[in-house]
Amino acid sequence: MLAREYIEKALYSCQRALKDLKNDDIRKTLGDLDFVEDRVKAAKILLRLELKEREGSMKNG
């Protein structure tokens, strides 16, 4: 999965968390925010790897 897809899924989960919070469902809100946290972490890992790869190819190029 691409970093962009993880970010899009994180945004969707944020929107769902807001909806759940408006409905006073704290348990669901926390669950959605856990998904956000996981997806943001995954996106950051992929972006760091991409950056490392690009910087490495620039040095070797």
PDB file of N, CA and C in Angstrom:
ATOM      1  N   MET A   1       0.857  -1.180   0.000  1.00  0.00           N
ATOM      2  CA  MET A   1       0.000   0.000   0.000  1.00  0.00           C
ATOM      3  C   MET A   1       0.901   1.241   0.000  1.00  0.00           C
ATOM      4  N   LEU A   2       0.506   2.230  -0.740  1.00  0.00           N
ATOM      5  CA  LEU A   2       1.260   3.469  -0.818  1.00  0.00           C
ATOM      6  C   LEU A   2       0.999   4.365   0.390  1.00  0.00           C
ATOM      7  N   ALA A   3       1.970   5.211   0.682  1.00  0.00           N
ATOM      8  CA  ALA A   3       1.814   6.156   1.800  1.00  0.00           C
ATOM      9  C   ALA A   3       0.562   6.995   1.618  1.00  0.00           C
ATOM     10  N   ARG A   4       0.304   7.393   0.386  1.00  0.00           N
ATOM     11  CA  ARG A   4      -0.885   8.209   0.104  1.00  0.00           C
ATOM     12  C   ARG A   4      -2.174   7.497   0.526  1.00  0.00           C
ATOM     13  N   GLU A   5      -2.243   6.204   0.268  1.00  0.00           N
ATOM     14  CA  GLU A   5      -3.430   5.439   0.645  1.00  0.00           C
ATOM     15  C   GLU A   5      -3.598   5.374   2.162  1.00  0.00           C
ATOM     16  N   TYR A   6      -2.483   5.218   2.864  1.00  0.00           N
ATOM     17  CA  TYR A   6      -2.551   5.213   4.326  1.00  0.00           C
ATOM     18  C   TYR A   6      -3.038   6.568   4.851  1.00  0.00           C
ATOM     19  N   ILE A   7      -2.573   7.637   4.235  1.00  0.00           N
ATOM     20  CA  ILE A   7      -2.996   8.976   4.666  1.00  0.00           C
ATOM     21  C   ILE A   7      -4.492   9.171   4.397  1.00  0.00           C
ATOM     22  N   GLU A   8      -4.951   8.730   3.225  1.00  0.00           N
ATOM     23  CA  GLU A   8      -6.379   8.844   2.901  1.00  0.00           C
ATOM     24  C   GLU A   8      -7.228   8.047   3.895  1.00  0.00           C
ATOM     25  N   LYS A   9      -6.771   6.853   4.240  1.00  0.00           N
ATOM     26  CA  LYS A   9      -7.509   6.031   5.208  1.00  0.00           C
ATOM     27  C   LYS A   9      -7.484   6.667   6.597  1.00  0.00           C
ATOM     28  N   ALA A  10      -6.378   7.312   6.941  1.00  0.00           N
ATOM     29  CA  ALA A  10      -6.297   8.008   8.234  1.00  0.00           C
ATOM     30  C   ALA A  10      -7.303   9.154   8.279  1.00  0.00           C
ATOM     31  N   LEU A  11      -7.394   9.897   7.182  1.00  0.00           N
ATOM     32  CA  LEU A  11      -8.358  11.001   7.124  1.00  0.00           C
ATOM     33  C   LEU A  11      -9.789  10.495   7.250  1.00  0.00           C
ATOM     34  N   TYR A  12     -10.077   9.391   6.575  1.00  0.00           N
ATOM     35  CA  TYR A  12     -11.409   8.801   6.676  1.00  0.00           C
ATOM     36  C   TYR A  12     -11.713   8.399   8.118  1.00  0.00           C
ATOM     37  N   SER A  13     -10.743   7.789   8.768  1.00  0.00           N
ATOM     38  CA  SER A  13     -10.943   7.377  10.160  1.00  0.00           C
ATOM     39  C   SER A  13     -11.110   8.581  11.083  1.00  0.00           C
ATOM     40  N   CYS A  14     -10.423   9.677  10.788  1.00  0.00           N
ATOM     41  CA  CYS A  14     -10.608  10.914  11.562  1.00  0.00           C
ATOM     42  C   CYS A  14     -12.041  11.423  11.427  1.00  0.00           C
ATOM     43  N   GLN A  15     -12.545  11.407  10.209  1.00  0.00           N
ATOM     44  CA  GLN A  15     -13.917  11.860   9.980  1.00  0.00           C
ATOM     45  C   GLN A  15     -14.912  10.966  10.716  1.00  0.00           C
ATOM     46  N   ARG A  16     -14.645   9.655  10.675  1.00  0.00           N
ATOM     47  CA  ARG A  16     -15.523   8.726  11.377  1.00  0.00           C
ATOM     48  C   ARG A  16     -15.443   8.939  12.885  1.00  0.00           C
ATOM     49  N   ALA A  17     -14.256   9.235  13.387  1.00  0.00           N
ATOM     50  CA  ALA A  17     -14.086   9.492  14.818  1.00  0.00           C
ATOM     51  C   ALA A  17     -14.899  10.725  15.239  1.00  0.00           C
ATOM     52  N   LEU A  18     -14.873  11.758  14.412  1.00  0.00           N
ATOM     53  CA  LEU A  18     -15.668  12.954  14.724  1.00  0.00           C
ATOM     54  C   LEU A  18     -17.162  12.640  14.761  1.00  0.00           C
ATOM     55  N   LYS A  19     -17.598  11.837  13.794  1.00  0.00           N
ATOM     56  CA  LYS A  19     -19.012  11.452  13.750  1.00  0.00           C
ATOM     57  C   LYS A  19     -19.380  10.654  15.005  1.00  0.00           C
ATOM     58  N   ASP A  20     -18.524   9.705  15.367  1.00  0.00           N
ATOM     59  CA  ASP A  20     -18.787   8.900  16.569  1.00  0.00           C
ATOM     60  C   ASP A  20     -18.800   9.765  17.822  1.00  0.00           C
ATOM     61  N   LEU A  21     -17.906  10.732  17.883  1.00  0.00           N
ATOM     62  CA  LEU A  21     -17.858  11.618  19.050  1.00  0.00           C
ATOM     63  C   LEU A  21     -19.119  12.476  19.141  1.00  0.00           C
ATOM     64  N   LYS A  22     -19.601  12.936  17.979  1.00  0.00           N
ATOM     65  CA  LYS A  22     -20.860  13.705  17.974  1.00  0.00           C
ATOM     66  C   LYS A  22     -22.015  12.862  18.479  1.00  0.00           C
ATOM     67  N   ASN A  23     -21.931  11.547  18.236  1.00  0.00           N
ATOM     68  CA  ASN A  23     -22.964  10.624  18.720  1.00  0.00           C
ATOM     69  C   ASN A  23     -22.677  10.129  20.134  1.00  0.00           C
ATOM     70  N   ASP A  24     -21.669  10.732  20.767  1.00  0.00           N
ATOM     71  CA  ASP A  24     -21.294  10.438  22.149  1.00  0.00           C
ATOM     72  C   ASP A  24     -20.858   8.987  22.342  1.00  0.00           C
ATOM     73  N   ASP A  25     -20.258   8.405  21.280  1.00  0.00           N
ATOM     74  CA  ASP A  25     -19.753   7.035  21.362  1.00  0.00           C
ATOM     75  C   ASP A  25     -18.237   7.088  21.514  1.00  0.00           C
ATOM     76  N   ILE A  26     -17.811   7.224  22.743  1.00  0.00           N
ATOM     77  CA  ILE A  26     -16.387   7.412  23.040  1.00  0.00           C
ATOM     78  C   ILE A  26     -15.581   6.161  22.696  1.00  0.00           C
ATOM     79  N   ARG A  27     -16.129   4.999  22.929  1.00  0.00           N
ATOM     80  CA  ARG A  27     -15.407   3.759  22.637  1.00  0.00           C
ATOM     81  C   ARG A  27     -15.080   3.658  21.145  1.00  0.00           C
ATOM     82  N   LYS A  28     -16.052   3.935  20.275  1.00  0.00           N
ATOM     83  CA  LYS A  28     -15.817   3.908  18.830  1.00  0.00           C
ATOM     84  C   LYS A  28     -14.839   4.997  18.414  1.00  0.00           C
ATOM     85  N   THR A  29     -14.973   6.158  19.029  1.00  0.00           N
ATOM     86  CA  THR A  29     -14.066   7.270  18.723  1.00  0.00           C
ATOM     87  C   THR A  29     -12.622   6.865  19.008  1.00  0.00           C
ATOM     88  N   LEU A  30     -12.391   6.261  20.152  1.00  0.00           N
ATOM     89  CA  LEU A  30     -11.044   5.815  20.499  1.00  0.00           C
ATOM     90  C   LEU A  30     -10.535   4.750  19.528  1.00  0.00           C
ATOM     91  N   GLY A  31     -11.404   3.852  19.136  1.00  0.00           N
ATOM     92  CA  GLY A  31     -11.021   2.823  18.167  1.00  0.00           C
ATOM     93  C   GLY A  31     -10.619   3.429  16.831  1.00  0.00           C
ATOM     94  N   ASP A  32     -11.415   4.387  16.371  1.00  0.00           N
ATOM     95  CA  ASP A  32     -11.091   5.073  15.113  1.00  0.00           C
ATOM     96  C   ASP A  32      -9.763   5.815  15.222  1.00  0.00           C
ATOM     97  N   LEU A  33      -9.527   6.432  16.346  1.00  0.00           N
ATOM     98  CA  LEU A  33      -8.267   7.164  16.534  1.00  0.00           C
ATOM     99  C   LEU A  33      -7.072   6.220  16.616  1.00  0.00           C
ATOM    100  N   ASP A  34      -7.293   5.006  17.111  1.00  0.00           N
ATOM    101  CA  ASP A  34      -6.227   4.001  17.079  1.00  0.00           C
ATOM    102  C   ASP A  34      -5.858   3.659  15.638  1.00  0.00           C
ATOM    103  N   PHE A  35      -6.889   3.518  14.771  1.00  0.00           N
ATOM    104  CA  PHE A  35      -6.631   3.273  13.359  1.00  0.00           C
ATOM    105  C   PHE A  35      -5.857   4.437  12.743  1.00  0.00           C
ATOM    106  N   VAL A  36      -6.240   5.668  13.108  1.00  0.00           N
ATOM    107  CA  VAL A  36      -5.548   6.851  12.595  1.00  0.00           C
ATOM    108  C   VAL A  36      -4.072   6.784  12.959  1.00  0.00           C
ATOM    109  N   GLU A  37      -3.814   6.515  14.210  1.00  0.00           N
ATOM    110  CA  GLU A  37      -2.432   6.450  14.691  1.00  0.00           C
ATOM    111  C   GLU A  37      -1.617   5.403  13.921  1.00  0.00           C
ATOM    112  N   ASP A  38      -2.196   4.216  13.738  1.00  0.00           N
ATOM    113  CA  ASP A  38      -1.500   3.145  13.027  1.00  0.00           C
ATOM    114  C   ASP A  38      -1.235   3.519  11.567  1.00  0.00           C
ATOM    115  N   ARG A  39      -2.220   4.113  10.935  1.00  0.00           N
ATOM    116  CA  ARG A  39      -2.081   4.460   9.518  1.00  0.00           C
ATOM    117  C   ARG A  39      -1.106   5.604   9.302  1.00  0.00           C
ATOM    118  N   VAL A  40      -1.090   6.544  10.211  1.00  0.00           N
ATOM    119  CA  VAL A  40      -0.121   7.646  10.110  1.00  0.00           C
ATOM    120  C   VAL A  40       1.295   7.110  10.313  1.00  0.00           C
ATOM    121  N   LYS A  41       1.471   6.221  11.276  1.00  0.00           N
ATOM    122  CA  LYS A  41       2.787   5.619  11.496  1.00  0.00           C
ATOM    123  C   LYS A  41       3.258   4.878  10.243  1.00  0.00           C
ATOM    124  N   ALA A  42       2.366   4.106   9.644  1.00  0.00           N
ATOM    125  CA  ALA A  42       2.721   3.354   8.438  1.00  0.00           C
ATOM    126  C   ALA A  42       3.096   4.301   7.305  1.00  0.00           C
ATOM    127  N   ALA A  43       2.336   5.366   7.126  1.00  0.00           N
ATOM    128  CA  ALA A  43       2.632   6.338   6.074  1.00  0.00           C
ATOM    129  C   ALA A  43       3.993   6.982   6.298  1.00  0.00           C
ATOM    130  N   LYS A  44       4.292   7.313   7.538  1.00  0.00           N
ATOM    131  CA  LYS A  44       5.588   7.932   7.847  1.00  0.00           C
ATOM    132  C   LYS A  44       6.739   6.977   7.564  1.00  0.00           C
ATOM    133  N   ILE A  45       6.567   5.715   7.886  1.00  0.00           N
ATOM    134  CA  ILE A  45       7.614   4.722   7.611  1.00  0.00           C
ATOM    135  C   ILE A  45       7.857   4.627   6.110  1.00  0.00           C
ATOM    136  N   LEU A  46       6.785   4.524   5.337  1.00  0.00           N
ATOM    137  CA  LEU A  46       6.932   4.422   3.892  1.00  0.00           C
ATOM    138  C   LEU A  46       7.571   5.676   3.299  1.00  0.00           C
ATOM    139  N   LEU A  47       7.181   6.833   3.791  1.00  0.00           N
ATOM    140  CA  LEU A  47       7.754   8.082   3.281  1.00  0.00           C
ATOM    141  C   LEU A  47       9.235   8.198   3.637  1.00  0.00           C
ATOM    142  N   ARG A  48       9.602   7.769   4.825  1.00  0.00           N
ATOM    143  CA  ARG A  48      11.024   7.792   5.198  1.00  0.00           C
ATOM    144  C   ARG A  48      11.842   6.857   4.315  1.00  0.00           C
ATOM    145  N   LEU A  49      11.294   5.673   4.027  1.00  0.00           N
ATOM    146  CA  LEU A  49      11.978   4.739   3.140  1.00  0.00           C
ATOM    147  C   LEU A  49      12.124   5.321   1.732  1.00  0.00           C
ATOM    148  N   GLU A  50      11.061   5.949   1.259  1.00  0.00           N
ATOM    149  CA  GLU A  50      11.103   6.582  -0.065  1.00  0.00           C
ATOM    150  C   GLU A  50      12.149   7.688  -0.101  1.00  0.00           C
ATOM    151  N   LEU A  51      12.185   8.500   0.927  1.00  0.00           N
ATOM    152  CA  LEU A  51      13.157   9.588   0.993  1.00  0.00           C
ATOM    153  C   LEU A  51      14.580   9.045   1.024  1.00  0.00           C
ATOM    154  N   LYS A  52      14.787   8.010   1.814  1.00  0.00           N
ATOM    155  CA  LYS A  52      16.111   7.391   1.905  1.00  0.00           C
ATOM    156  C   LYS A  52      16.532   6.837   0.543  1.00  0.00           C
ATOM    157  N   GLU A  53      15.586   6.202  -0.140  1.00  0.00           N
ATOM    158  CA  GLU A  53      15.869   5.646  -1.461  1.00  0.00           C
ATOM    159  C   GLU A  53      16.207   6.755  -2.460  1.00  0.00           C
ATOM    160  N   ARG A  54      15.439   7.818  -2.443  1.00  0.00           N
ATOM    161  CA  ARG A  54      15.692   8.939  -3.360  1.00  0.00           C
ATOM    162  C   ARG A  54      17.033   9.598  -3.076  1.00  0.00           C
ATOM    163  N   GLU A  55      17.314   9.801  -1.808  1.00  0.00           N
ATOM    164  CA  GLU A  55      18.591  10.441  -1.454  1.00  0.00           C
ATOM    165  C   GLU A  55      19.754   9.530  -1.813  1.00  0.00           C
ATOM    166  N   GLY A  56      19.584   8.228  -1.683  1.00  0.00           N
ATOM    167  CA  GLY A  56      20.620   7.291  -2.048  1.00  0.00           C
ATOM    168  C   GLY A  56      20.857   7.270  -3.550  1.00  0.00           C
ATOM    169  N   SER A  57      19.784   7.367  -4.320  1.00  0.00           N
ATOM    170  CA  SER A  57      19.943   7.355  -5.780  1.00  0.00           C
ATOM    171  C   SER A  57      20.546   8.665  -6.269  1.00  0.00           C
ATOM    172  N   MET A  58      20.323   9.751  -5.550  1.00  0.00           N
ATOM    173  CA  MET A  58      20.901  11.034  -5.937  1.00  0.00           C
ATOM    174  C   MET A  58      22.418  11.011  -5.702  1.00  0.00           C
ATOM    175  N   LYS A  59      22.849  10.357  -4.636  1.00  0.00           N
ATOM    176  CA  LYS A  59      24.269  10.251  -4.337  1.00  0.00           C
ATOM    177  C   LYS A  59      24.973   9.348  -5.343  1.00  0.00           C
ATOM    178  N   ASN A  60      24.255   8.292  -5.748  1.00  0.00           N
ATOM    179  CA  ASN A  60      24.843   7.332  -6.682  1.00  0.00           C
ATOM    180  C   ASN A  60      24.670   7.756  -8.134  1.00  0.00           C
ATOM    181  N   GLY A  61      23.784   8.719  -8.380  1.00  0.00           N
ATOM    182  CA  GLY A  61      23.454   9.137  -9.745  1.00  0.00           C
ATOM    183  C   GLY A  61      24.389  10.097 -10.282  1.00  0.00           C
TER     184      GLY A  61
END
